[in-house]
Amino acid sequence: MDLKNKEYIDKIKSLAKEKKAVIFAHYYTRPEIQECADFIGDSLALAQQATRVDADILVMCGVHFMGETMKILCPEKKVLIPDMNAGCSLADSCKAEDLAAFKAQHPDHMVVSYVNTSAEVKALTDVVVTSSNAKKIVDQLPQDAKIIFGPDHNLGSYINSVTGRNMLLWNGACHVHSRFSLEALLQLKKENPGVEVLAHPECKAPILAQSDVIGSTQALLQHTIQSFAKRFIIATESGILHEMQKACPDKEFIPVPPEVTEGVGCSCNECEYMRMNTLEKLYACLRDEQPEMVVDKEVAEKAVSSIQRMLQMS
């Protein structure tokens, strides 16, 4: 780690202690952001942890919907995010007004929404899920239940395949997980015979078909820690490689690259929204206690029931 980053991290941790603030970071954020965090995790783990900490200020280093979820679950706390413009392509693919219209067309269906959605969409939802608990929650729903699942079509298709359901799927996708190159993955498997492929269920079906282990970011991390294998091919956002390498310094992690776009390729697949969280923004966020996440009270009251139902069923 370079000296400038270390100095920023020290300043941020000191300021957080002074202000009785707790910093949360998603696995997909920059390595230096993860080094600042009190808690690192995926959506479910961070949402649960936020309800348990003793703090005046919660700082969510991730994307907009994660800050909203934290505020909904902790309405009495001040919730900050380093950049209010850090959005999510998946959340953006499902607008509340569009979901409301779709629900009106299918009045006999309940709605199961992936956590990567806005507060307004959660307010229209019966139960929220994450990639780590989607199968468990869907398995608990009545077998004859008619279900709208959104917004991630890839995740919904995967959950249909492992539960035997026929949920009606919203046609949304994560722009990161949808752009992994199947050709590159097949070449990596050829060059590394016998090496396990680990993939997130937001990936397209052809990528999942070539994978040995499919699971949430947390599940993939745990697999690399517990496995006796020394090398892995990873098909999820490359931010997790930092935590994998920290947990398993003697192991090698090979990222699956994205498809080449406009003649330019990259060996890693990053979410530009997660990368909007920087040390400079995190420091300013704590110093100024801005930007602060605010969720409309009526929306929050409707949304919290779908999140709480998820936590109860998890």
C-alpha atoms as a PDB file:
ATOM      1  CA  MET A   1       0.000   0.000   0.000  1.00  0.00           C
ATOM      2  CA  ASP A   2       1.403   3.402  -0.921  1.00  0.00           C
ATOM      3  CA  LEU A   3       2.119   6.032   1.728  1.00  0.00           C
ATOM      4  CA  LYS A   4      -0.640   8.401   0.607  1.00  0.00           C
ATOM      5  CA  ASN A   5      -3.303   5.702   0.985  1.00  0.00           C
ATOM      6  CA  LYS A   6      -1.953   4.654   4.383  1.00  0.00           C
ATOM      7  CA  GLU A   7      -2.062   8.246   5.631  1.00  0.00           C
ATOM      8  CA  TYR A   8      -5.656   8.638   4.405  1.00  0.00           C
ATOM      9  CA  ILE A   9      -6.691   5.362   6.029  1.00  0.00           C
ATOM     10  CA  ASP A  10      -5.166   6.431   9.354  1.00  0.00           C
ATOM     11  CA  LYS A  11      -6.978   9.791   9.171  1.00  0.00           C
ATOM     12  CA  ILE A  12     -10.280   8.128   8.298  1.00  0.00           C
ATOM     13  CA  LYS A  13     -10.059   5.589  11.115  1.00  0.00           C
ATOM     14  CA  SER A  14      -9.158   8.332  13.605  1.00  0.00           C
ATOM     15  CA  LEU A  15     -12.068  10.505  12.466  1.00  0.00           C
ATOM     16  CA  ALA A  16     -14.468   7.555  12.601  1.00  0.00           C
ATOM     17  CA  LYS A  17     -13.443   6.838  16.186  1.00  0.00           C
ATOM     18  CA  GLU A  18     -13.866  10.499  17.119  1.00  0.00           C
ATOM     19  CA  LYS A  19     -17.366  10.650  15.626  1.00  0.00           C
ATOM     20  CA  LYS A  20     -18.422   7.197  16.862  1.00  0.00           C
ATOM     21  CA  ALA A  21     -18.940   6.118  13.272  1.00  0.00           C
ATOM     22  CA  VAL A  22     -18.857   2.587  11.876  1.00  0.00           C
ATOM     23  CA  ILE A  23     -17.668   2.027   8.306  1.00  0.00           C
ATOM     24  CA  PHE A  24     -19.128  -0.713   6.135  1.00  0.00           C
ATOM     25  CA  ALA A  25     -17.681  -1.754   2.763  1.00  0.00           C
ATOM     26  CA  HIS A  26     -18.936  -4.115   0.112  1.00  0.00           C
ATOM     27  CA  TYR A  27     -16.569  -6.743  -1.270  1.00  0.00           C
ATOM     28  CA  TYR A  28     -16.626  -5.002  -4.661  1.00  0.00           C
ATOM     29  CA  THR A  29     -15.145  -1.706  -3.463  1.00  0.00           C
ATOM     30  CA  ARG A  30     -11.508  -0.708  -3.933  1.00  0.00           C
ATOM     31  CA  PRO A  31      -8.945  -2.576  -1.781  1.00  0.00           C
ATOM     32  CA  GLU A  32      -8.008   0.591   0.117  1.00  0.00           C
ATOM     33  CA  ILE A  33     -11.684   1.200   0.978  1.00  0.00           C
ATOM     34  CA  GLN A  34     -11.942  -2.340   2.318  1.00  0.00           C
ATOM     35  CA  GLU A  35      -8.866  -1.655   4.460  1.00  0.00           C
ATOM     36  CA  CYS A  36     -10.736   1.260   6.098  1.00  0.00           C
ATOM     37  CA  ALA A  37     -13.848  -0.696   6.928  1.00  0.00           C
ATOM     38  CA  ASP A  38     -14.940  -2.060  10.283  1.00  0.00           C
ATOM     39  CA  PHE A  39     -17.090  -4.591   8.451  1.00  0.00           C
ATOM     40  CA  ILE A  40     -16.667  -6.028   4.933  1.00  0.00           C
ATOM     41  CA  GLY A  41     -19.351  -8.172   3.375  1.00  0.00           C
ATOM     42  CA  ASP A  42     -22.107  -8.686   0.871  1.00  0.00           C
ATOM     43  CA  SER A  43     -25.542  -7.096   1.031  1.00  0.00           C
ATOM     44  CA  LEU A  44     -27.163  -9.444   3.560  1.00  0.00           C
ATOM     45  CA  ALA A  45     -24.229  -9.501   5.996  1.00  0.00           C
ATOM     46  CA  LEU A  46     -23.889  -5.718   5.989  1.00  0.00           C
ATOM     47  CA  ALA A  47     -27.645  -5.167   6.386  1.00  0.00           C
ATOM     48  CA  GLN A  48     -27.745  -7.509   9.378  1.00  0.00           C
ATOM     49  CA  GLN A  49     -24.607  -6.062  10.953  1.00  0.00           C
ATOM     50  CA  ALA A  50     -25.907  -2.492  10.666  1.00  0.00           C
ATOM     51  CA  THR A  51     -28.777  -3.327  13.015  1.00  0.00           C
ATOM     52  CA  ARG A  52     -26.397  -4.628  15.690  1.00  0.00           C
ATOM     53  CA  VAL A  53     -23.676  -1.973  15.972  1.00  0.00           C
ATOM     54  CA  ASP A  54     -23.540   0.754  18.609  1.00  0.00           C
ATOM     55  CA  ALA A  55     -22.793   3.892  16.614  1.00  0.00           C
ATOM     56  CA  ASP A  56     -24.056   7.397  15.974  1.00  0.00           C
ATOM     57  CA  ILE A  57     -23.098   7.313  12.292  1.00  0.00           C
ATOM     58  CA  LEU A  58     -23.152   4.475   9.762  1.00  0.00           C
ATOM     59  CA  VAL A  59     -21.083   4.899   6.592  1.00  0.00           C
ATOM     60  CA  MET A  60     -21.987   2.588   3.705  1.00  0.00           C
ATOM     61  CA  CYS A  61     -19.216   2.284   1.125  1.00  0.00           C
ATOM     62  CA  GLY A  62     -21.055   0.607  -1.694  1.00  0.00           C
ATOM     63  CA  VAL A  63     -23.854   1.792  -3.947  1.00  0.00           C
ATOM     64  CA  HIS A  64     -27.011   3.833  -3.453  1.00  0.00           C
ATOM     65  CA  PHE A  65     -29.492   1.037  -2.752  1.00  0.00           C
ATOM     66  CA  MET A  66     -27.233  -0.325   0.009  1.00  0.00           C
ATOM     67  CA  GLY A  67     -27.306   3.020   1.789  1.00  0.00           C
ATOM     68  CA  GLU A  68     -31.102   3.095   1.414  1.00  0.00           C
ATOM     69  CA  THR A  69     -31.441  -0.399   2.873  1.00  0.00           C
ATOM     70  CA  MET A  70     -29.240   0.534   5.810  1.00  0.00           C
ATOM     71  CA  LYS A  71     -31.296   3.661   6.486  1.00  0.00           C
ATOM     72  CA  ILE A  72     -34.562   1.723   6.269  1.00  0.00           C
ATOM     73  CA  LEU A  73     -33.308  -0.797   8.830  1.00  0.00           C
ATOM     74  CA  CYS A  74     -31.713   1.859  11.070  1.00  0.00           C
ATOM     75  CA  PRO A  75     -34.014   4.903  10.793  1.00  0.00           C
ATOM     76  CA  GLU A  76     -32.708   6.457  14.008  1.00  0.00           C
ATOM     77  CA  LYS A  77     -29.104   6.472  12.783  1.00  0.00           C
ATOM     78  CA  LYS A  78     -27.375   8.946  10.505  1.00  0.00           C
ATOM     79  CA  VAL A  79     -26.430   6.990   7.381  1.00  0.00           C
ATOM     80  CA  LEU A  80     -23.797   8.409   5.036  1.00  0.00           C
ATOM     81  CA  ILE A  81     -22.493   7.254   1.678  1.00  0.00           C
ATOM     82  CA  PRO A  82     -19.309   8.654   0.100  1.00  0.00           C
ATOM     83  CA  ASP A  83     -20.916   9.313  -3.304  1.00  0.00           C
ATOM     84  CA  MET A  84     -24.665   9.683  -3.775  1.00  0.00           C
ATOM     85  CA  ASN A  85     -24.205   9.069  -7.512  1.00  0.00           C
ATOM     86  CA  ALA A  86     -22.892   5.542  -6.993  1.00  0.00           C
ATOM     87  CA  GLY A  87     -25.833   3.742  -8.540  1.00  0.00           C
ATOM     88  CA  CYS A  88     -26.512   0.219  -9.752  1.00  0.00           C
ATOM     89  CA  SER A  89     -27.349  -0.888 -13.281  1.00  0.00           C
ATOM     90  CA  LEU A  90     -29.498  -3.697 -11.920  1.00  0.00           C
ATOM     91  CA  ALA A  91     -31.529  -1.424  -9.653  1.00  0.00           C
ATOM     92  CA  ASP A  92     -31.910   1.028 -12.533  1.00  0.00           C
ATOM     93  CA  SER A  93     -33.373  -1.731 -14.730  1.00  0.00           C
ATOM     94  CA  CYS A  94     -36.494  -1.897 -12.564  1.00  0.00           C
ATOM     95  CA  LYS A  95     -38.323   1.371 -11.930  1.00  0.00           C
ATOM     96  CA  ALA A  96     -41.038   1.401  -9.286  1.00  0.00           C
ATOM     97  CA  GLU A  97     -43.693   2.699 -11.675  1.00  0.00           C
ATOM     98  CA  ASP A  98     -42.890  -0.085 -14.159  1.00  0.00           C
ATOM     99  CA  LEU A  99     -43.078  -2.758 -11.476  1.00  0.00           C
ATOM    100  CA  ALA A 100     -46.375  -1.342 -10.211  1.00  0.00           C
ATOM    101  CA  ALA A 101     -47.827  -1.580 -13.729  1.00  0.00           C
ATOM    102  CA  PHE A 102     -46.503  -5.140 -14.100  1.00  0.00           C
ATOM    103  CA  LYS A 103     -48.038  -6.124 -10.753  1.00  0.00           C
ATOM    104  CA  ALA A 104     -51.371  -4.714 -11.913  1.00  0.00           C
ATOM    105  CA  GLN A 105     -51.202  -7.023 -14.946  1.00  0.00           C
ATOM    106  CA  HIS A 106     -50.569 -10.032 -12.670  1.00  0.00           C
ATOM    107  CA  PRO A 107     -52.697  -9.371  -9.553  1.00  0.00           C
ATOM    108  CA  ASP A 108     -52.502 -13.010  -8.395  1.00  0.00           C
ATOM    109  CA  HIS A 109     -48.697 -12.952  -8.171  1.00  0.00           C
ATOM    110  CA  MET A 110     -46.551 -12.139  -5.148  1.00  0.00           C
ATOM    111  CA  VAL A 111     -43.319 -10.202  -5.691  1.00  0.00           C
ATOM    112  CA  VAL A 112     -39.873 -11.451  -4.724  1.00  0.00           C
ATOM    113  CA  SER A 113     -37.257  -8.773  -5.325  1.00  0.00           C
ATOM    114  CA  TYR A 114     -33.499  -9.017  -5.279  1.00  0.00           C
ATOM    115  CA  VAL A 115     -31.948  -6.640  -2.759  1.00  0.00           C
ATOM    116  CA  ASN A 116     -30.357  -4.703  -5.637  1.00  0.00           C
ATOM    117  CA  THR A 117     -33.423  -2.487  -5.967  1.00  0.00           C
ATOM    118  CA  SER A 118     -34.573   0.958  -4.905  1.00  0.00           C
ATOM    119  CA  ALA A 119     -36.513   1.603  -1.706  1.00  0.00           C
ATOM    120  CA  GLU A 120     -39.606   2.303  -3.825  1.00  0.00           C
ATOM    121  CA  VAL A 121     -39.351  -1.148  -5.439  1.00  0.00           C
ATOM    122  CA  LYS A 122     -38.858  -2.788  -2.056  1.00  0.00           C
ATOM    123  CA  ALA A 123     -42.048  -1.026  -0.930  1.00  0.00           C
ATOM    124  CA  LEU A 124     -43.898  -2.933  -3.694  1.00  0.00           C
ATOM    125  CA  THR A 125     -42.266  -6.226  -2.723  1.00  0.00           C
ATOM    126  CA  ASP A 126     -43.504  -9.090  -0.545  1.00  0.00           C
ATOM    127  CA  VAL A 127     -40.066 -10.410   0.352  1.00  0.00           C
ATOM    128  CA  VAL A 128     -36.555  -9.288  -0.555  1.00  0.00           C
ATOM    129  CA  VAL A 129     -33.780 -11.803  -1.279  1.00  0.00           C
ATOM    130  CA  THR A 130     -30.032 -11.764  -1.818  1.00  0.00           C
ATOM    131  CA  SER A 131     -27.929 -14.115  -3.888  1.00  0.00           C
ATOM    132  CA  SER A 132     -26.974 -15.958  -0.704  1.00  0.00           C
ATOM    133  CA  ASN A 133     -30.516 -16.642   0.531  1.00  0.00           C
ATOM    134  CA  ALA A 134     -32.719 -16.542  -2.610  1.00  0.00           C
ATOM    135  CA  LYS A 135     -33.018 -20.328  -2.918  1.00  0.00           C
ATOM    136  CA  LYS A 136     -33.692 -20.772   0.800  1.00  0.00           C
ATOM    137  CA  ILE A 137     -36.436 -18.157   0.784  1.00  0.00           C
ATOM    138  CA  VAL A 138     -38.107 -19.302  -2.447  1.00  0.00           C
ATOM    139  CA  ASP A 139     -38.089 -22.884  -1.119  1.00  0.00           C
ATOM    140  CA  GLN A 140     -40.116 -21.676   1.881  1.00  0.00           C
ATOM    141  CA  LEU A 141     -42.867 -20.130  -0.244  1.00  0.00           C
ATOM    142  CA  PRO A 142     -45.986 -22.216  -1.016  1.00  0.00           C
ATOM    143  CA  GLN A 143     -45.469 -24.559  -3.955  1.00  0.00           C
ATOM    144  CA  ASP A 144     -48.553 -23.199  -5.696  1.00  0.00           C
ATOM    145  CA  ALA A 145     -47.525 -19.560  -5.216  1.00  0.00           C
ATOM    146  CA  LYS A 146     -47.372 -17.469  -8.368  1.00  0.00           C
ATOM    147  CA  ILE A 147     -44.240 -15.368  -8.165  1.00  0.00           C
ATOM    148  CA  ILE A 148     -42.816 -12.369  -9.967  1.00  0.00           C
ATOM    149  CA  PHE A 149     -39.033 -12.385  -9.494  1.00  0.00           C
ATOM    150  CA  GLY A 150     -36.977  -9.333 -10.301  1.00  0.00           C
ATOM    151  CA  PRO A 151     -35.036  -7.575 -11.396  1.00  0.00           C
ATOM    152  CA  ASP A 152     -32.155  -9.955 -12.191  1.00  0.00           C
ATOM    153  CA  HIS A 153     -33.204 -12.341 -14.956  1.00  0.00           C
ATOM    154  CA  ASN A 154     -30.010 -14.411 -14.679  1.00  0.00           C
ATOM    155  CA  LEU A 155     -30.392 -14.958 -10.935  1.00  0.00           C
ATOM    156  CA  GLY A 156     -34.106 -15.689 -11.327  1.00  0.00           C
ATOM    157  CA  SER A 157     -33.417 -18.227 -14.051  1.00  0.00           C
ATOM    158  CA  TYR A 158     -30.823 -19.918 -11.872  1.00  0.00           C
ATOM    159  CA  ILE A 159     -33.206 -20.028  -8.873  1.00  0.00           C
ATOM    160  CA  ASN A 160     -35.909 -21.495 -11.111  1.00  0.00           C
ATOM    161  CA  SER A 161     -33.474 -24.228 -12.161  1.00  0.00           C
ATOM    162  CA  VAL A 162     -32.477 -25.210  -8.614  1.00  0.00           C
ATOM    163  CA  THR A 163     -35.949 -24.967  -7.048  1.00  0.00           C
ATOM    164  CA  GLY A 164     -38.085 -26.367  -9.866  1.00  0.00           C
ATOM    165  CA  ARG A 165     -40.174 -23.181  -9.861  1.00  0.00           C
ATOM    166  CA  ASN A 166     -41.503 -21.327 -12.855  1.00  0.00           C
ATOM    167  CA  MET A 167     -41.299 -17.776 -11.556  1.00  0.00           C
ATOM    168  CA  LEU A 168     -42.178 -14.927 -13.874  1.00  0.00           C
ATOM    169  CA  LEU A 169     -38.861 -13.142 -14.422  1.00  0.00           C
ATOM    170  CA  TRP A 170     -38.187  -9.445 -14.805  1.00  0.00           C
ATOM    171  CA  ASN A 171     -35.768  -8.744 -17.652  1.00  0.00           C
ATOM    172  CA  GLY A 172     -32.979  -6.948 -15.780  1.00  0.00           C
ATOM    173  CA  ALA A 173     -29.289  -7.696 -15.383  1.00  0.00           C
ATOM    174  CA  CYS A 174     -26.090  -6.580 -13.669  1.00  0.00           C
ATOM    175  CA  HIS A 175     -23.892  -4.981 -16.308  1.00  0.00           C
ATOM    176  CA  VAL A 176     -20.773  -6.452 -14.669  1.00  0.00           C
ATOM    177  CA  HIS A 177     -21.888 -10.057 -14.309  1.00  0.00           C
ATOM    178  CA  SER A 178     -23.524 -10.054 -17.732  1.00  0.00           C
ATOM    179  CA  ARG A 179     -20.340  -9.186 -19.608  1.00  0.00           C
ATOM    180  CA  PHE A 180     -18.051 -12.058 -18.638  1.00  0.00           C
ATOM    181  CA  SER A 181     -16.547 -13.615 -21.755  1.00  0.00           C
ATOM    182  CA  LEU A 182     -17.518 -17.239 -22.324  1.00  0.00           C
ATOM    183  CA  GLU A 183     -14.742 -17.560 -24.913  1.00  0.00           C
ATOM    184  CA  ALA A 184     -12.174 -16.291 -22.400  1.00  0.00           C
ATOM    185  CA  LEU A 185     -13.498 -18.621 -19.700  1.00  0.00           C
ATOM    186  CA  LEU A 186     -13.231 -21.640 -22.001  1.00  0.00           C
ATOM    187  CA  GLN A 187      -9.661 -20.631 -22.872  1.00  0.00           C
ATOM    188  CA  LEU A 188      -8.764 -20.253 -19.174  1.00  0.00           C
ATOM    189  CA  LYS A 189     -10.167 -23.723 -18.471  1.00  0.00           C
ATOM    190  CA  LYS A 190      -8.112 -25.115 -21.349  1.00  0.00           C
ATOM    191  CA  GLU A 191      -4.955 -23.441 -20.047  1.00  0.00           C
ATOM    192  CA  ASN A 192      -5.653 -24.513 -16.459  1.00  0.00           C
ATOM    193  CA  PRO A 193      -7.035 -28.065 -16.594  1.00  0.00           C
ATOM    194  CA  GLY A 194      -8.732 -29.211 -13.414  1.00  0.00           C
ATOM    195  CA  VAL A 195      -8.879 -25.742 -11.845  1.00  0.00           C
ATOM    196  CA  GLU A 196     -12.267 -24.998 -10.296  1.00  0.00           C
ATOM    197  CA  VAL A 197     -14.431 -22.242 -11.753  1.00  0.00           C
ATOM    198  CA  LEU A 198     -16.329 -20.174  -9.170  1.00  0.00           C
ATOM    199  CA  ALA A 199     -19.205 -17.998 -10.414  1.00  0.00           C
ATOM    200  CA  HIS A 200     -21.839 -15.655  -9.042  1.00  0.00           C
ATOM    201  CA  PRO A 201     -25.451 -16.573  -9.977  1.00  0.00           C
ATOM    202  CA  GLU A 202     -25.930 -13.129 -11.586  1.00  0.00           C
ATOM    203  CA  CYS A 203     -23.771 -14.447 -14.464  1.00  0.00           C
ATOM    204  CA  LYS A 204     -25.390 -15.608 -17.684  1.00  0.00           C
ATOM    205  CA  ALA A 205     -26.418 -19.260 -17.985  1.00  0.00           C
ATOM    206  CA  PRO A 206     -23.542 -20.272 -20.338  1.00  0.00           C
ATOM    207  CA  ILE A 207     -21.011 -19.033 -17.746  1.00  0.00           C
ATOM    208  CA  LEU A 208     -22.821 -20.878 -14.947  1.00  0.00           C
ATOM    209  CA  ALA A 209     -22.901 -24.038 -17.070  1.00  0.00           C
ATOM    210  CA  GLN A 210     -19.084 -23.978 -17.155  1.00  0.00           C
ATOM    211  CA  SER A 211     -18.771 -23.401 -13.393  1.00  0.00           C
ATOM    212  CA  ASP A 212     -18.025 -25.867 -10.615  1.00  0.00           C
ATOM    213  CA  VAL A 213     -19.241 -23.700  -7.739  1.00  0.00           C
ATOM    214  CA  ILE A 214     -22.091 -21.171  -7.967  1.00  0.00           C
ATOM    215  CA  GLY A 215     -22.785 -18.896  -5.032  1.00  0.00           C
ATOM    216  CA  SER A 216     -22.929 -15.465  -3.475  1.00  0.00           C
ATOM    217  CA  THR A 217     -19.758 -13.443  -3.072  1.00  0.00           C
ATOM    218  CA  GLN A 218     -19.529 -14.532   0.567  1.00  0.00           C
ATOM    219  CA  ALA A 219     -20.076 -18.188  -0.380  1.00  0.00           C
ATOM    220  CA  LEU A 220     -17.362 -18.054  -3.031  1.00  0.00           C
ATOM    221  CA  LEU A 221     -14.950 -16.493  -0.544  1.00  0.00           C
ATOM    222  CA  GLN A 222     -15.705 -19.185   2.033  1.00  0.00           C
ATOM    223  CA  HIS A 223     -15.185 -21.898  -0.557  1.00  0.00           C
ATOM    224  CA  THR A 224     -11.703 -20.622  -1.416  1.00  0.00           C
ATOM    225  CA  ILE A 225     -10.802 -20.529   2.302  1.00  0.00           C
ATOM    226  CA  GLN A 226     -12.074 -24.033   3.034  1.00  0.00           C
ATOM    227  CA  SER A 227     -10.910 -25.732  -0.167  1.00  0.00           C
ATOM    228  CA  PHE A 228      -7.610 -27.625  -0.333  1.00  0.00           C
ATOM    229  CA  ALA A 229      -7.187 -26.382  -3.903  1.00  0.00           C
ATOM    230  CA  LYS A 230      -4.489 -23.788  -4.557  1.00  0.00           C
ATOM    231  CA  ARG A 231      -5.819 -22.174  -7.738  1.00  0.00           C
ATOM    232  CA  PHE A 232      -9.264 -20.892  -8.763  1.00  0.00           C
ATOM    233  CA  ILE A 233     -10.871 -19.212 -11.776  1.00  0.00           C
ATOM    234  CA  ILE A 234     -13.215 -16.466 -10.537  1.00  0.00           C
ATOM    235  CA  ALA A 235     -16.276 -15.108 -12.373  1.00  0.00           C
ATOM    236  CA  THR A 236     -17.574 -12.283 -10.223  1.00  0.00           C
ATOM    237  CA  GLU A 237     -16.680  -8.619  -9.687  1.00  0.00           C
ATOM    238  CA  SER A 238     -12.932  -8.411  -9.201  1.00  0.00           C
ATOM    239  CA  GLY A 239     -13.076  -6.473  -5.915  1.00  0.00           C
ATOM    240  CA  ILE A 240     -13.507  -9.775  -4.057  1.00  0.00           C
ATOM    241  CA  LEU A 241     -10.033 -10.860  -5.144  1.00  0.00           C
ATOM    242  CA  HIS A 242      -8.529  -8.551  -2.518  1.00  0.00           C
ATOM    243  CA  GLU A 243     -10.277 -10.338   0.340  1.00  0.00           C
ATOM    244  CA  MET A 244      -9.624 -13.760  -1.210  1.00  0.00           C
ATOM    245  CA  GLN A 245      -5.908 -13.011  -1.460  1.00  0.00           C
ATOM    246  CA  LYS A 246      -5.811 -11.650   2.113  1.00  0.00           C
ATOM    247  CA  ALA A 247      -7.567 -14.756   3.444  1.00  0.00           C
ATOM    248  CA  CYS A 248      -5.537 -17.155   1.287  1.00  0.00           C
ATOM    249  CA  PRO A 249      -2.109 -15.626   0.567  1.00  0.00           C
ATOM    250  CA  ASP A 250      -0.757 -18.954  -0.656  1.00  0.00           C
ATOM    251  CA  LYS A 251      -3.464 -19.392  -3.308  1.00  0.00           C
ATOM    252  CA  GLU A 252      -3.880 -18.033  -6.841  1.00  0.00           C
ATOM    253  CA  PHE A 253      -7.031 -16.423  -8.185  1.00  0.00           C
ATOM    254  CA  ILE A 254      -7.530 -16.029 -11.922  1.00  0.00           C
ATOM    255  CA  PRO A 255     -10.225 -13.488 -12.903  1.00  0.00           C
ATOM    256  CA  VAL A 256     -12.423 -14.161 -15.911  1.00  0.00           C
ATOM    257  CA  PRO A 257     -12.178 -11.085 -18.163  1.00  0.00           C
ATOM    258  CA  PRO A 258     -15.160  -9.279 -19.653  1.00  0.00           C
ATOM    259  CA  GLU A 259     -16.026  -9.434 -23.311  1.00  0.00           C
ATOM    260  CA  VAL A 260     -13.951  -7.125 -25.478  1.00  0.00           C
ATOM    261  CA  THR A 261     -15.814  -3.894 -26.219  1.00  0.00           C
ATOM    262  CA  GLU A 262     -14.882  -1.531 -29.044  1.00  0.00           C
ATOM    263  CA  GLY A 263     -11.509  -3.162 -29.460  1.00  0.00           C
ATOM    264  CA  VAL A 264     -10.445  -2.623 -25.848  1.00  0.00           C
ATOM    265  CA  GLY A 265     -10.102  -5.516 -23.434  1.00  0.00           C
ATOM    266  CA  CYS A 266      -9.325  -5.749 -19.728  1.00  0.00           C
ATOM    267  CA  SER A 267      -8.084  -8.618 -17.592  1.00  0.00           C
ATOM    268  CA  CYS A 268     -10.556  -7.785 -14.828  1.00  0.00           C
ATOM    269  CA  ASN A 269     -14.237  -6.978 -14.572  1.00  0.00           C
ATOM    270  CA  GLU A 270     -14.940  -3.991 -12.328  1.00  0.00           C
ATOM    271  CA  CYS A 271     -18.096  -2.140 -11.324  1.00  0.00           C
ATOM    272  CA  GLU A 272     -17.468   1.525 -12.013  1.00  0.00           C
ATOM    273  CA  TYR A 273     -20.159   2.474  -9.492  1.00  0.00           C
ATOM    274  CA  MET A 274     -18.406   0.638  -6.653  1.00  0.00           C
ATOM    275  CA  ARG A 275     -15.145   2.292  -7.719  1.00  0.00           C
ATOM    276  CA  MET A 276     -16.739   5.711  -7.146  1.00  0.00           C
ATOM    277  CA  ASN A 277     -16.019   5.130  -3.461  1.00  0.00           C
ATOM    278  CA  THR A 278     -12.561   6.643  -2.873  1.00  0.00           C
ATOM    279  CA  LEU A 279     -10.519   7.464   0.221  1.00  0.00           C
ATOM    280  CA  GLU A 280     -10.856  11.174  -0.521  1.00  0.00           C
ATOM    281  CA  LYS A 281     -14.643  10.946  -0.709  1.00  0.00           C
ATOM    282  CA  LEU A 282     -14.839   8.740   2.366  1.00  0.00           C
ATOM    283  CA  TYR A 283     -12.777  11.211   4.408  1.00  0.00           C
ATOM    284  CA  ALA A 284     -14.852  14.194   3.246  1.00  0.00           C
ATOM    285  CA  CYS A 285     -18.052  12.251   3.915  1.00  0.00           C
ATOM    286  CA  LEU A 286     -17.038  11.631   7.534  1.00  0.00           C
ATOM    287  CA  ARG A 287     -15.653  15.132   8.042  1.00  0.00           C
ATOM    288  CA  ASP A 288     -18.741  16.929   6.719  1.00  0.00           C
ATOM    289  CA  GLU A 289     -21.285  14.200   7.601  1.00  0.00           C
ATOM    290  CA  GLN A 290     -22.566  14.495   4.049  1.00  0.00           C
ATOM    291  CA  PRO A 291     -24.038  13.218   1.820  1.00  0.00           C
ATOM    292  CA  GLU A 292     -26.637  11.805   4.166  1.00  0.00           C
ATOM    293  CA  MET A 293     -29.060   9.103   3.039  1.00  0.00           C
ATOM    294  CA  VAL A 294     -32.696  10.114   3.422  1.00  0.00           C
ATOM    295  CA  VAL A 295     -35.610   7.808   2.610  1.00  0.00           C
ATOM    296  CA  ASP A 296     -39.214   8.983   2.464  1.00  0.00           C
ATOM    297  CA  LYS A 297     -40.918   7.846   5.676  1.00  0.00           C
ATOM    298  CA  GLU A 298     -43.948   6.312   3.967  1.00  0.00           C
ATOM    299  CA  VAL A 299     -41.770   4.437   1.483  1.00  0.00           C
ATOM    300  CA  ALA A 300     -39.488   3.238   4.270  1.00  0.00           C
ATOM    301  CA  GLU A 301     -42.412   1.928   6.339  1.00  0.00           C
ATOM    302  CA  LYS A 302     -43.622  -0.140   3.383  1.00  0.00           C
ATOM    303  CA  ALA A 303     -40.141  -1.303   2.379  1.00  0.00           C
ATOM    304  CA  VAL A 304     -39.018  -2.407   5.819  1.00  0.00           C
ATOM    305  CA  SER A 305     -41.554  -5.236   6.021  1.00  0.00           C
ATOM    306  CA  SER A 306     -40.157  -6.944   2.911  1.00  0.00           C
ATOM    307  CA  ILE A 307     -36.596  -6.650   4.264  1.00  0.00           C
ATOM    308  CA  GLN A 308     -37.569  -7.854   7.733  1.00  0.00           C
ATOM    309  CA  ARG A 309     -39.371 -10.814   6.210  1.00  0.00           C
ATOM    310  CA  MET A 310     -36.124 -11.675   4.390  1.00  0.00           C
ATOM    311  CA  LEU A 311     -34.123 -11.484   7.613  1.00  0.00           C
ATOM    312  CA  GLN A 312     -36.674 -13.660   9.450  1.00  0.00           C
ATOM    313  CA  MET A 313     -36.638 -16.289   6.676  1.00  0.00           C
ATOM    314  CA  SER A 314     -32.851 -16.284   6.418  1.00  0.00           C
END
